[in-house]
Every structure is written in C-alpha cells, then in structure tokens.
N, C-alpha and C. Protein backbone atom coordinates (compact mmCIF):
# COMPACT_ATOMS: atom_id res chain seq x y z
N UNK A 1 351.99 107.46 46.46
CA UNK A 1 353.06 107.39 45.46
C UNK A 1 353.98 106.22 45.76
N UNK A 2 354.42 105.55 44.72
CA UNK A 2 355.31 104.42 44.88
C UNK A 2 356.61 104.86 45.54
N UNK A 3 357.17 103.99 46.39
CA UNK A 3 358.41 104.32 47.08
C UNK A 3 359.61 103.91 46.23
N UNK A 4 360.53 104.85 46.05
CA UNK A 4 361.72 104.61 45.23
C UNK A 4 362.96 104.85 46.06
N UNK A 5 363.95 104.01 45.86
CA UNK A 5 365.22 104.17 46.55
C UNK A 5 366.20 104.91 45.65
N UNK A 6 366.79 105.99 46.17
CA UNK A 6 367.79 106.75 45.43
C UNK A 6 369.16 106.14 45.70
N UNK A 7 369.89 105.86 44.64
CA UNK A 7 371.21 105.25 44.75
C UNK A 7 372.25 106.17 44.14
N UNK A 8 373.50 105.99 44.56
CA UNK A 8 374.62 106.76 44.03
C UNK A 8 375.31 105.94 42.94
N UNK A 9 375.57 106.56 41.80
CA UNK A 9 376.08 105.85 40.63
C UNK A 9 377.52 105.40 40.82
N UNK A 10 377.79 104.14 40.45
CA UNK A 10 379.15 103.60 40.41
C UNK A 10 379.73 103.77 39.01
N UNK A 11 381.05 103.76 38.93
CA UNK A 11 381.72 103.94 37.64
C UNK A 11 381.29 102.91 36.61
N UNK A 12 381.00 101.68 37.05
CA UNK A 12 380.64 100.61 36.12
C UNK A 12 379.33 100.87 35.40
N UNK A 13 378.50 101.77 35.94
CA UNK A 13 377.17 102.00 35.37
C UNK A 13 377.04 103.34 34.66
N UNK A 14 378.17 104.00 34.40
CA UNK A 14 378.13 105.31 33.73
C UNK A 14 377.48 105.21 32.36
N UNK A 15 377.84 104.20 31.57
CA UNK A 15 377.29 104.06 30.23
C UNK A 15 375.78 103.84 30.26
N UNK A 16 375.31 103.06 31.23
CA UNK A 16 373.87 102.82 31.36
C UNK A 16 373.15 104.13 31.67
N UNK A 17 373.69 104.88 32.62
CA UNK A 17 373.07 106.15 32.99
C UNK A 17 373.10 107.14 31.82
N UNK A 18 374.22 107.17 31.10
CA UNK A 18 374.32 108.07 29.95
C UNK A 18 373.30 107.75 28.88
N UNK A 19 373.01 106.47 28.69
CA UNK A 19 372.02 106.08 27.68
C UNK A 19 370.61 106.49 28.10
N UNK A 20 370.33 106.46 29.41
CA UNK A 20 369.04 106.94 29.91
C UNK A 20 368.88 108.42 29.58
N UNK A 21 369.94 109.20 29.84
CA UNK A 21 369.89 110.63 29.55
C UNK A 21 369.68 110.87 28.06
N UNK A 22 370.40 110.13 27.23
CA UNK A 22 370.27 110.31 25.78
C UNK A 22 368.84 110.05 25.31
N UNK A 23 368.20 109.02 25.83
CA UNK A 23 366.82 108.73 25.43
C UNK A 23 365.87 109.81 25.94
N UNK A 24 366.09 110.26 27.17
CA UNK A 24 365.21 111.29 27.74
C UNK A 24 365.34 112.62 27.01
N UNK A 25 366.54 112.92 26.50
CA UNK A 25 366.81 114.19 25.84
C UNK A 25 366.75 114.09 24.31
N UNK A 26 366.19 113.00 23.80
CA UNK A 26 366.13 112.78 22.36
C UNK A 26 365.50 113.97 21.63
N UNK A 27 364.44 114.54 22.20
CA UNK A 27 363.75 115.66 21.54
C UNK A 27 363.98 116.99 22.24
N UNK A 28 365.01 117.06 23.08
CA UNK A 28 365.35 118.32 23.73
C UNK A 28 365.78 119.35 22.68
N UNK A 29 365.35 120.59 22.85
CA UNK A 29 365.61 121.62 21.83
C UNK A 29 367.09 121.80 21.55
N UNK A 30 367.93 121.80 22.59
CA UNK A 30 369.36 121.99 22.37
C UNK A 30 369.96 120.79 21.64
N UNK A 31 369.54 119.60 22.00
CA UNK A 31 370.01 118.38 21.33
C UNK A 31 369.60 118.39 19.85
N UNK A 32 368.38 118.80 19.58
CA UNK A 32 367.90 118.87 18.20
C UNK A 32 368.66 119.93 17.41
N UNK A 33 369.00 121.03 18.05
CA UNK A 33 369.73 122.09 17.36
C UNK A 33 371.16 121.65 17.06
N UNK A 34 371.77 120.92 18.01
CA UNK A 34 373.13 120.46 17.78
C UNK A 34 373.18 119.38 16.71
N UNK A 35 372.19 118.47 16.74
CA UNK A 35 372.16 117.35 15.80
C UNK A 35 370.81 117.30 15.09
N UNK A 36 370.59 118.15 14.11
CA UNK A 36 369.29 118.11 13.41
C UNK A 36 369.05 116.80 12.66
N UNK A 37 370.13 116.14 12.27
CA UNK A 37 370.00 114.85 11.60
C UNK A 37 369.80 113.74 12.63
N UNK A 38 368.72 112.98 12.48
CA UNK A 38 368.36 111.97 13.48
C UNK A 38 369.44 110.90 13.64
N UNK A 39 370.06 110.49 12.54
CA UNK A 39 371.09 109.46 12.62
C UNK A 39 372.31 109.98 13.37
N UNK A 40 372.70 111.22 13.10
CA UNK A 40 373.84 111.81 13.80
C UNK A 40 373.53 111.96 15.28
N UNK A 41 372.30 112.35 15.57
CA UNK A 41 371.89 112.51 16.97
C UNK A 41 371.93 111.18 17.71
N UNK A 42 371.43 110.14 17.06
CA UNK A 42 371.41 108.82 17.69
C UNK A 42 372.82 108.29 17.92
N UNK A 43 373.76 108.67 17.06
CA UNK A 43 375.14 108.19 17.17
C UNK A 43 375.95 109.03 18.17
N UNK A 44 375.79 110.35 18.12
CA UNK A 44 376.69 111.24 18.86
C UNK A 44 376.20 111.65 20.24
N UNK A 45 374.91 111.90 20.38
CA UNK A 45 374.41 112.40 21.66
C UNK A 45 374.69 111.43 22.82
N UNK A 46 374.52 110.12 22.65
CA UNK A 46 374.82 109.23 23.78
C UNK A 46 376.27 109.31 24.24
N UNK A 47 377.21 109.52 23.31
CA UNK A 47 378.61 109.63 23.72
C UNK A 47 378.86 110.89 24.54
N UNK A 48 378.22 112.01 24.14
CA UNK A 48 378.37 113.25 24.89
C UNK A 48 377.75 113.12 26.27
N UNK A 49 376.53 112.58 26.35
CA UNK A 49 375.87 112.45 27.65
C UNK A 49 376.63 111.48 28.56
N UNK A 50 377.21 110.43 27.99
CA UNK A 50 378.00 109.51 28.80
C UNK A 50 379.21 110.22 29.40
N UNK A 51 379.86 111.08 28.61
CA UNK A 51 381.02 111.82 29.12
C UNK A 51 380.60 112.79 30.22
N UNK A 52 379.46 113.45 30.06
CA UNK A 52 378.97 114.36 31.10
C UNK A 52 378.67 113.61 32.39
N UNK A 53 378.00 112.47 32.25
CA UNK A 53 377.68 111.66 33.44
C UNK A 53 378.97 111.15 34.09
N UNK A 54 379.94 110.72 33.27
CA UNK A 54 381.20 110.24 33.83
C UNK A 54 381.90 111.36 34.61
N UNK A 55 381.88 112.56 34.07
CA UNK A 55 382.51 113.68 34.77
C UNK A 55 381.88 113.87 36.14
N UNK A 56 380.56 113.88 36.19
CA UNK A 56 379.90 114.11 37.48
C UNK A 56 380.01 112.91 38.40
N UNK A 57 380.12 111.72 37.83
CA UNK A 57 380.35 110.55 38.70
C UNK A 57 381.73 110.63 39.35
N UNK A 58 382.70 111.14 38.61
CA UNK A 58 384.06 111.27 39.14
C UNK A 58 384.21 112.44 40.09
N UNK A 59 383.62 113.59 39.75
CA UNK A 59 383.92 114.82 40.46
C UNK A 59 382.71 115.50 41.08
N UNK A 60 381.53 114.96 40.86
CA UNK A 60 380.32 115.54 41.43
C UNK A 60 379.50 114.47 42.12
N UNK A 61 378.24 114.38 41.74
CA UNK A 61 377.34 113.39 42.32
C UNK A 61 376.32 112.99 41.27
N UNK A 62 376.15 111.69 41.06
CA UNK A 62 375.11 111.20 40.15
C UNK A 62 374.22 110.25 40.94
N UNK A 63 372.94 110.55 40.96
CA UNK A 63 371.94 109.75 41.64
C UNK A 63 371.07 109.04 40.60
N UNK A 64 370.53 107.89 40.97
CA UNK A 64 369.59 107.22 40.08
C UNK A 64 368.60 106.41 40.90
N UNK A 65 367.50 106.08 40.27
CA UNK A 65 366.48 105.24 40.90
C UNK A 65 366.63 103.80 40.43
N UNK A 66 366.18 102.88 41.26
CA UNK A 66 366.26 101.45 40.93
C UNK A 66 365.78 101.19 39.50
N UNK A 67 366.51 100.36 38.80
CA UNK A 67 366.16 100.03 37.43
C UNK A 67 366.58 101.08 36.42
N UNK A 68 367.30 102.08 36.89
CA UNK A 68 367.75 103.19 36.03
C UNK A 68 366.58 103.82 35.27
N UNK A 69 365.46 104.00 35.98
CA UNK A 69 364.32 104.67 35.35
C UNK A 69 364.50 106.19 35.35
N UNK A 70 365.42 106.71 36.16
CA UNK A 70 365.68 108.15 36.21
C UNK A 70 367.09 108.39 36.74
N UNK A 71 367.70 109.47 36.25
CA UNK A 71 369.08 109.81 36.59
C UNK A 71 369.17 111.32 36.84
N UNK A 72 369.92 111.70 37.86
CA UNK A 72 370.21 113.12 38.11
C UNK A 72 371.71 113.29 38.28
N UNK A 73 372.28 114.26 37.58
CA UNK A 73 373.72 114.48 37.56
C UNK A 73 374.01 115.88 38.11
N UNK A 74 374.88 115.94 39.11
CA UNK A 74 375.12 117.19 39.85
C UNK A 74 376.61 117.56 39.87
N UNK A 75 376.87 118.86 39.79
CA UNK A 75 378.20 119.40 40.07
C UNK A 75 378.17 119.97 41.49
N UNK A 76 379.23 119.71 42.25
CA UNK A 76 379.28 120.13 43.64
C UNK A 76 379.62 121.62 43.79
N UNK A 77 379.24 122.22 44.91
CA UNK A 77 379.54 123.65 45.13
C UNK A 77 381.04 123.93 45.04
N UNK A 78 381.38 124.99 44.32
CA UNK A 78 382.76 125.44 44.25
C UNK A 78 383.66 124.61 43.37
N UNK A 79 383.10 123.60 42.69
CA UNK A 79 383.91 122.71 41.85
C UNK A 79 383.76 123.10 40.38
N UNK A 80 384.79 123.65 39.79
CA UNK A 80 384.75 124.01 38.39
C UNK A 80 385.38 122.94 37.52
N UNK A 81 385.07 122.98 36.23
CA UNK A 81 385.67 122.04 35.30
C UNK A 81 387.09 122.47 34.98
N UNK A 82 387.99 121.51 34.83
CA UNK A 82 389.37 121.78 34.43
C UNK A 82 389.70 120.90 33.23
N UNK A 83 390.67 121.30 32.40
CA UNK A 83 391.06 120.45 31.27
C UNK A 83 391.47 119.05 31.69
N UNK A 84 392.16 118.95 32.83
CA UNK A 84 392.61 117.64 33.30
C UNK A 84 391.43 116.75 33.66
N UNK A 85 390.44 117.33 34.34
CA UNK A 85 389.27 116.55 34.71
C UNK A 85 388.44 116.17 33.49
N UNK A 86 388.30 117.10 32.56
CA UNK A 86 387.57 116.78 31.33
C UNK A 86 388.23 115.64 30.58
N UNK A 87 389.56 115.65 30.53
CA UNK A 87 390.28 114.56 29.87
C UNK A 87 390.06 113.25 30.59
N UNK A 88 390.09 113.28 31.91
CA UNK A 88 389.88 112.06 32.69
C UNK A 88 388.48 111.49 32.47
N UNK A 89 387.51 112.37 32.22
CA UNK A 89 386.13 111.93 31.98
C UNK A 89 385.92 111.45 30.55
N UNK A 90 386.93 111.63 29.68
CA UNK A 90 386.85 111.08 28.34
C UNK A 90 386.49 112.08 27.25
N UNK A 91 386.45 113.37 27.58
CA UNK A 91 386.08 114.35 26.56
C UNK A 91 387.11 114.42 25.44
N UNK A 92 388.38 114.22 25.77
CA UNK A 92 389.42 114.27 24.73
C UNK A 92 389.33 113.10 23.76
N UNK A 93 388.62 112.05 24.15
CA UNK A 93 388.52 110.85 23.32
C UNK A 93 387.26 110.83 22.45
N UNK A 94 386.41 111.86 22.57
CA UNK A 94 385.19 111.89 21.76
C UNK A 94 385.54 112.13 20.29
N UNK A 95 384.84 111.46 19.38
CA UNK A 95 385.12 111.69 17.96
C UNK A 95 384.73 113.11 17.54
N UNK A 96 385.28 113.56 16.43
CA UNK A 96 385.06 114.93 15.97
C UNK A 96 383.59 115.24 15.70
N UNK A 97 382.82 114.24 15.25
CA UNK A 97 381.44 114.55 14.90
C UNK A 97 380.54 114.77 16.12
N UNK A 98 381.07 114.60 17.34
CA UNK A 98 380.30 114.96 18.53
C UNK A 98 380.15 116.48 18.63
N UNK A 99 381.03 117.25 17.97
CA UNK A 99 380.92 118.71 17.86
C UNK A 99 380.97 119.39 19.23
N UNK A 100 382.11 119.23 19.89
CA UNK A 100 382.29 119.90 21.18
C UNK A 100 382.36 121.42 21.03
N UNK A 101 382.74 121.90 19.83
CA UNK A 101 382.79 123.34 19.63
C UNK A 101 381.43 123.99 19.84
N UNK A 102 380.37 123.34 19.37
CA UNK A 102 379.02 123.86 19.56
C UNK A 102 378.70 123.98 21.05
N UNK A 103 378.96 122.90 21.80
CA UNK A 103 378.67 122.89 23.23
C UNK A 103 379.52 123.92 23.97
N UNK A 104 380.79 124.03 23.60
CA UNK A 104 381.66 125.01 24.26
C UNK A 104 381.17 126.43 24.01
N UNK A 105 380.70 126.72 22.81
CA UNK A 105 380.18 128.05 22.52
C UNK A 105 378.90 128.34 23.29
N UNK A 106 378.00 127.36 23.32
CA UNK A 106 376.74 127.55 24.03
C UNK A 106 376.99 127.80 25.52
N UNK A 107 377.78 126.93 26.13
CA UNK A 107 377.97 127.07 27.57
C UNK A 107 379.04 128.09 27.92
N UNK A 108 379.78 128.54 26.90
CA UNK A 108 380.64 129.70 27.09
C UNK A 108 379.84 130.97 27.27
N UNK A 109 378.59 130.94 26.84
CA UNK A 109 377.66 132.05 27.08
C UNK A 109 376.83 131.80 28.34
N UNK A 110 376.31 130.59 28.49
CA UNK A 110 375.44 130.27 29.62
C UNK A 110 376.20 130.33 30.94
N UNK A 111 377.43 129.78 30.97
CA UNK A 111 378.22 129.75 32.21
C UNK A 111 378.43 131.13 32.81
N UNK A 112 378.94 132.11 32.04
CA UNK A 112 379.11 133.46 32.58
C UNK A 112 377.78 134.11 32.98
N UNK A 113 376.70 133.78 32.26
CA UNK A 113 375.39 134.32 32.64
C UNK A 113 374.99 133.84 34.02
N UNK A 114 375.29 132.58 34.31
CA UNK A 114 375.01 132.04 35.64
C UNK A 114 375.92 132.70 36.68
N UNK A 115 377.21 132.80 36.37
CA UNK A 115 378.16 133.36 37.34
C UNK A 115 377.83 134.79 37.70
N UNK A 116 377.25 135.51 36.76
CA UNK A 116 376.93 136.92 37.02
C UNK A 116 375.85 137.08 38.08
N UNK A 117 374.88 136.18 38.06
CA UNK A 117 373.76 136.29 39.00
C UNK A 117 373.88 135.36 40.20
N UNK A 118 374.77 134.36 40.11
CA UNK A 118 374.95 133.41 41.21
C UNK A 118 376.43 133.12 41.39
N UNK A 119 377.20 134.13 41.86
CA UNK A 119 378.64 133.92 42.01
C UNK A 119 379.01 133.02 43.18
N UNK A 120 378.12 132.90 44.16
CA UNK A 120 378.43 132.10 45.33
C UNK A 120 378.38 130.60 45.00
N UNK A 121 379.07 129.78 45.79
CA UNK A 121 379.03 128.32 45.57
C UNK A 121 377.60 127.79 45.58
N UNK A 122 377.35 126.81 44.74
CA UNK A 122 376.01 126.23 44.64
C UNK A 122 376.11 124.84 44.04
N UNK A 123 375.12 124.03 44.32
CA UNK A 123 374.95 122.77 43.62
C UNK A 123 374.39 123.08 42.24
N UNK A 124 374.94 122.45 41.21
CA UNK A 124 374.46 122.67 39.85
C UNK A 124 373.82 121.38 39.35
N UNK A 125 372.53 121.43 39.16
CA UNK A 125 371.82 120.27 38.61
C UNK A 125 372.04 120.29 37.10
N UNK A 126 372.96 119.47 36.65
CA UNK A 126 373.35 119.49 35.24
C UNK A 126 372.33 118.74 34.37
N UNK A 127 371.93 117.55 34.80
CA UNK A 127 371.02 116.72 34.02
C UNK A 127 370.00 116.07 34.93
N UNK A 128 368.75 116.13 34.55
CA UNK A 128 367.69 115.39 35.23
C UNK A 128 366.90 114.68 34.14
N UNK A 129 366.97 113.36 34.12
CA UNK A 129 366.43 112.59 33.00
C UNK A 129 365.60 111.42 33.50
N UNK A 130 364.46 111.22 32.87
CA UNK A 130 363.58 110.09 33.18
C UNK A 130 363.36 109.32 31.88
N UNK A 131 363.50 108.00 31.96
CA UNK A 131 363.23 107.16 30.79
C UNK A 131 361.87 107.54 30.20
N UNK A 132 361.80 107.73 28.88
CA UNK A 132 360.54 108.17 28.27
C UNK A 132 359.32 107.34 28.67
N UNK A 133 359.46 106.02 28.77
CA UNK A 133 358.31 105.18 29.13
C UNK A 133 357.85 105.39 30.56
N UNK A 134 358.69 106.01 31.39
CA UNK A 134 358.36 106.21 32.81
C UNK A 134 358.07 107.66 33.14
N UNK A 135 358.05 108.53 32.14
CA UNK A 135 357.80 109.94 32.42
C UNK A 135 356.35 110.15 32.84
N UNK A 136 356.14 111.21 33.63
CA UNK A 136 354.80 111.52 34.11
C UNK A 136 354.41 110.79 35.38
N UNK A 137 355.36 110.11 36.03
CA UNK A 137 355.07 109.35 37.25
C UNK A 137 355.70 110.00 38.49
N UNK A 138 356.28 111.18 38.34
CA UNK A 138 356.87 111.87 39.48
C UNK A 138 358.27 111.42 39.82
N UNK A 139 358.93 110.66 38.93
CA UNK A 139 360.26 110.13 39.24
C UNK A 139 361.32 111.23 39.22
N UNK A 140 361.18 112.16 38.29
CA UNK A 140 362.12 113.28 38.27
C UNK A 140 362.04 114.09 39.55
N UNK A 141 360.84 114.25 40.05
CA UNK A 141 360.65 115.00 41.29
C UNK A 141 361.29 114.27 42.47
N UNK A 142 361.22 112.94 42.48
CA UNK A 142 361.85 112.16 43.56
C UNK A 142 363.34 112.45 43.61
N UNK A 143 364.00 112.39 42.44
CA UNK A 143 365.44 112.63 42.40
C UNK A 143 365.77 114.09 42.72
N UNK A 144 364.97 115.00 42.18
CA UNK A 144 365.22 116.42 42.44
C UNK A 144 365.09 116.73 43.92
N UNK A 145 364.05 116.22 44.56
CA UNK A 145 363.84 116.47 45.99
C UNK A 145 364.99 115.91 46.83
N UNK A 146 365.48 114.75 46.43
CA UNK A 146 366.63 114.16 47.12
C UNK A 146 367.82 115.12 47.05
N UNK A 147 368.07 115.66 45.86
CA UNK A 147 369.17 116.60 45.70
C UNK A 147 368.95 117.90 46.46
N UNK A 148 367.71 118.38 46.50
CA UNK A 148 367.42 119.61 47.25
C UNK A 148 367.66 119.41 48.74
N UNK A 149 367.32 118.24 49.24
CA UNK A 149 367.57 117.96 50.66
C UNK A 149 369.07 117.92 50.94
N UNK A 150 369.84 117.34 50.04
CA UNK A 150 371.29 117.30 50.21
C UNK A 150 371.86 118.73 50.20
N UNK A 151 371.36 119.55 49.27
CA UNK A 151 371.83 120.93 49.20
C UNK A 151 371.48 121.70 50.46
N UNK A 152 370.28 121.47 50.98
CA UNK A 152 369.87 122.15 52.21
C UNK A 152 370.79 121.77 53.37
N UNK A 153 371.25 120.51 53.37
CA UNK A 153 372.12 120.06 54.46
C UNK A 153 373.49 120.72 54.41
N UNK A 154 373.91 121.17 53.22
CA UNK A 154 375.19 121.87 53.11
C UNK A 154 375.03 123.39 53.15
N UNK A 155 373.77 123.84 53.12
CA UNK A 155 373.51 125.27 53.17
C UNK A 155 373.73 126.00 51.86
N UNK A 156 373.80 125.25 50.75
CA UNK A 156 374.05 125.85 49.44
C UNK A 156 372.79 125.82 48.58
N UNK A 157 372.59 126.84 47.74
CA UNK A 157 371.46 126.80 46.81
C UNK A 157 371.71 125.81 45.69
N UNK A 158 370.65 125.55 44.92
CA UNK A 158 370.72 124.74 43.72
C UNK A 158 370.44 125.64 42.52
N UNK A 159 371.25 125.50 41.49
CA UNK A 159 371.08 126.27 40.26
C UNK A 159 371.06 125.30 39.08
N UNK A 160 370.30 125.62 38.06
CA UNK A 160 370.27 124.83 36.84
C UNK A 160 369.93 125.74 35.67
N UNK A 161 370.22 125.25 34.46
CA UNK A 161 369.77 125.92 33.26
C UNK A 161 368.96 124.94 32.43
N UNK A 162 368.00 125.45 31.69
CA UNK A 162 367.21 124.61 30.81
C UNK A 162 366.86 125.38 29.55
N UNK A 163 366.76 124.64 28.45
CA UNK A 163 366.32 125.19 27.17
C UNK A 163 364.89 124.75 26.88
N UNK A 164 364.25 124.11 27.85
CA UNK A 164 362.93 123.52 27.64
C UNK A 164 361.86 124.28 28.41
N UNK A 165 360.87 124.88 27.72
CA UNK A 165 359.77 125.54 28.45
C UNK A 165 359.03 124.58 29.37
N UNK A 166 358.87 123.34 28.94
CA UNK A 166 358.18 122.36 29.79
C UNK A 166 358.96 122.11 31.07
N UNK A 167 360.28 121.92 30.95
CA UNK A 167 361.10 121.72 32.14
C UNK A 167 361.09 122.94 33.03
N UNK A 168 361.13 124.13 32.43
CA UNK A 168 361.10 125.35 33.21
C UNK A 168 359.84 125.42 34.05
N UNK A 169 358.70 125.08 33.47
CA UNK A 169 357.45 125.09 34.24
C UNK A 169 357.48 124.06 35.37
N UNK A 170 358.09 122.90 35.12
CA UNK A 170 358.23 121.87 36.16
C UNK A 170 359.01 122.41 37.35
N UNK A 171 360.14 123.08 37.07
CA UNK A 171 360.96 123.59 38.16
C UNK A 171 360.26 124.72 38.91
N UNK A 172 359.55 125.58 38.20
CA UNK A 172 358.82 126.65 38.87
C UNK A 172 357.76 126.08 39.81
N UNK A 173 357.09 125.01 39.38
CA UNK A 173 356.09 124.37 40.25
C UNK A 173 356.73 123.78 41.49
N UNK A 174 358.02 123.49 41.43
CA UNK A 174 358.70 122.85 42.55
C UNK A 174 359.59 123.82 43.33
N UNK A 175 359.24 125.09 43.30
CA UNK A 175 359.86 126.05 44.21
C UNK A 175 361.08 126.77 43.69
N UNK A 176 361.45 126.59 42.41
CA UNK A 176 362.57 127.33 41.84
C UNK A 176 362.11 128.72 41.42
N UNK A 177 363.06 129.64 41.34
CA UNK A 177 362.79 130.97 40.82
C UNK A 177 363.68 131.22 39.61
N UNK A 178 363.19 131.99 38.65
CA UNK A 178 363.95 132.31 37.45
C UNK A 178 364.92 133.45 37.75
N UNK A 179 366.21 133.25 37.44
CA UNK A 179 367.19 134.31 37.67
C UNK A 179 367.84 134.79 36.38
N UNK A 180 367.67 134.03 35.29
CA UNK A 180 368.10 134.47 33.95
C UNK A 180 367.03 134.01 32.96
N UNK A 181 366.66 134.91 32.05
CA UNK A 181 365.70 134.62 30.99
C UNK A 181 366.28 135.29 29.76
N UNK A 182 366.88 134.50 28.84
CA UNK A 182 367.66 135.11 27.77
C UNK A 182 367.69 134.21 26.54
N UNK A 183 368.30 134.72 25.48
CA UNK A 183 368.53 133.97 24.26
C UNK A 183 370.01 133.64 24.17
N UNK A 184 370.33 132.36 23.90
CA UNK A 184 371.72 131.96 23.73
C UNK A 184 372.08 132.16 22.25
N UNK A 185 373.10 132.95 21.93
CA UNK A 185 373.31 133.35 20.54
C UNK A 185 373.80 132.26 19.59
N UNK A 186 374.58 131.30 20.05
CA UNK A 186 375.07 130.26 19.15
C UNK A 186 373.93 129.38 18.63
N UNK A 187 373.06 128.96 19.52
CA UNK A 187 371.94 128.09 19.14
C UNK A 187 370.72 128.90 18.72
N UNK A 188 370.63 130.16 19.19
CA UNK A 188 369.44 130.96 18.96
C UNK A 188 368.27 130.56 19.83
N UNK A 189 368.54 129.70 20.83
CA UNK A 189 367.46 129.18 21.67
C UNK A 189 367.25 130.03 22.91
N UNK A 190 366.00 130.07 23.35
CA UNK A 190 365.63 130.67 24.62
C UNK A 190 366.09 129.74 25.74
N UNK A 191 366.70 130.30 26.78
CA UNK A 191 367.07 129.47 27.93
C UNK A 191 366.76 130.21 29.21
N UNK A 192 366.64 129.43 30.26
CA UNK A 192 366.35 129.97 31.59
C UNK A 192 367.35 129.40 32.58
N UNK A 193 367.73 130.22 33.54
CA UNK A 193 368.50 129.75 34.69
C UNK A 193 367.59 129.89 35.90
N UNK A 194 367.53 128.83 36.70
CA UNK A 194 366.64 128.82 37.87
C UNK A 194 367.44 128.48 39.11
N UNK A 195 366.93 128.96 40.25
CA UNK A 195 367.61 128.75 41.52
C UNK A 195 366.60 128.31 42.58
N UNK A 196 367.07 127.47 43.48
CA UNK A 196 366.26 127.03 44.63
C UNK A 196 367.10 127.22 45.88
N UNK A 197 366.57 127.95 46.85
CA UNK A 197 367.29 128.17 48.11
C UNK A 197 368.31 129.29 47.97
N UNK A 198 369.03 129.51 49.05
CA UNK A 198 370.09 130.54 49.02
C UNK A 198 369.58 131.92 49.31
C-alpha cells in the first residue's frame, strides 16, 4: 500500500478541507434529504461542511492526507458544542437557506441517542471523507487508523454515527460495533451509531 503522511489541518486550509467533504458527501443520504434540489445542495452543503470542519479545527482535531485527498474531522473527549464556539466557527453567519433547523432537529435526536449508550468521554469521528476520484484506495482507512491510534493513546473509545449502509459496513469491517440501530424521525432515515474500543 502506498505510504501517506497524515497532517493536522491549519486554519488557512479549512475551506479546502470543507470542499473535499462536500464532494465526498454529495450523494450521502442525509445530504440528499436535506437538499433534494441539486442546485441548492451544491450551493449550501459546502458552507455547512466548511463550518463543521472549522469548528473541529478550532476545538477538536482535523487530519488530512497530502494533497487533500482525504479528511477526517474529530471532536475531542468531553468537549461539547456551545453557542459561543458555534458562533466562532461561523454558524451564525450561514445564510438561511443552509437550513440549520433541519440539522438541529436531526442531531437533537441522534445526540441524545449516543449519550444514552455512550455517556463516558469519547473521541467522536464527525466526518471521514475521501475525494470521489480517490475512493476505493484505502485512504479513509489510513485516516481512521491514525485516529484510532490517537484514541488508544488517551484510553478513550471512538464513537461515530452514519446514515450510510455502505459506511456502516466499512466501519464494521474495521473493528467497530453497532450500539444504536434506529430511525431518525425528522429525516425518516435509518442511522447507526458505532463504537471502537472502550
């Protein structure tokens, strides 16, 4: 397998990393449900993903591979979102058509579902994205393994949620276990919460 160097994202490259995530999640079920119109999705999704990446660059950890072929965005153990931090990451500046109400409703259900089964501190893998032209080369696994090693060094488990059956199978193959299997009522989508370690 080709050797890749994992780097830590700088503030200057947040927009680049956010655009990688937007392209990788173009056909993600939750993204499609939020923005069924392709033009709206192309306009709004990159702004939302950029804000998410900026938040984790400021208050969590964002890793990427050389050339920005893959990006992983993490929330640190015990670190919750606050209105002040969300504002600092630019969420208050997003235009109305980004539809934060949809996201708040979805994760207002998913977040408590996670807390119920994993109340202890954990690393939260928020986003794992590989440029579409580079998918299928094991790059997501490189970034994920890097994060798992970091989590093992702190003694904390890793938790994530996904709305993608394909992604769920990927994580199961890589040692995760399913701890939530449910339907999210706002989107009507099936989602899974998975854990590694702990």
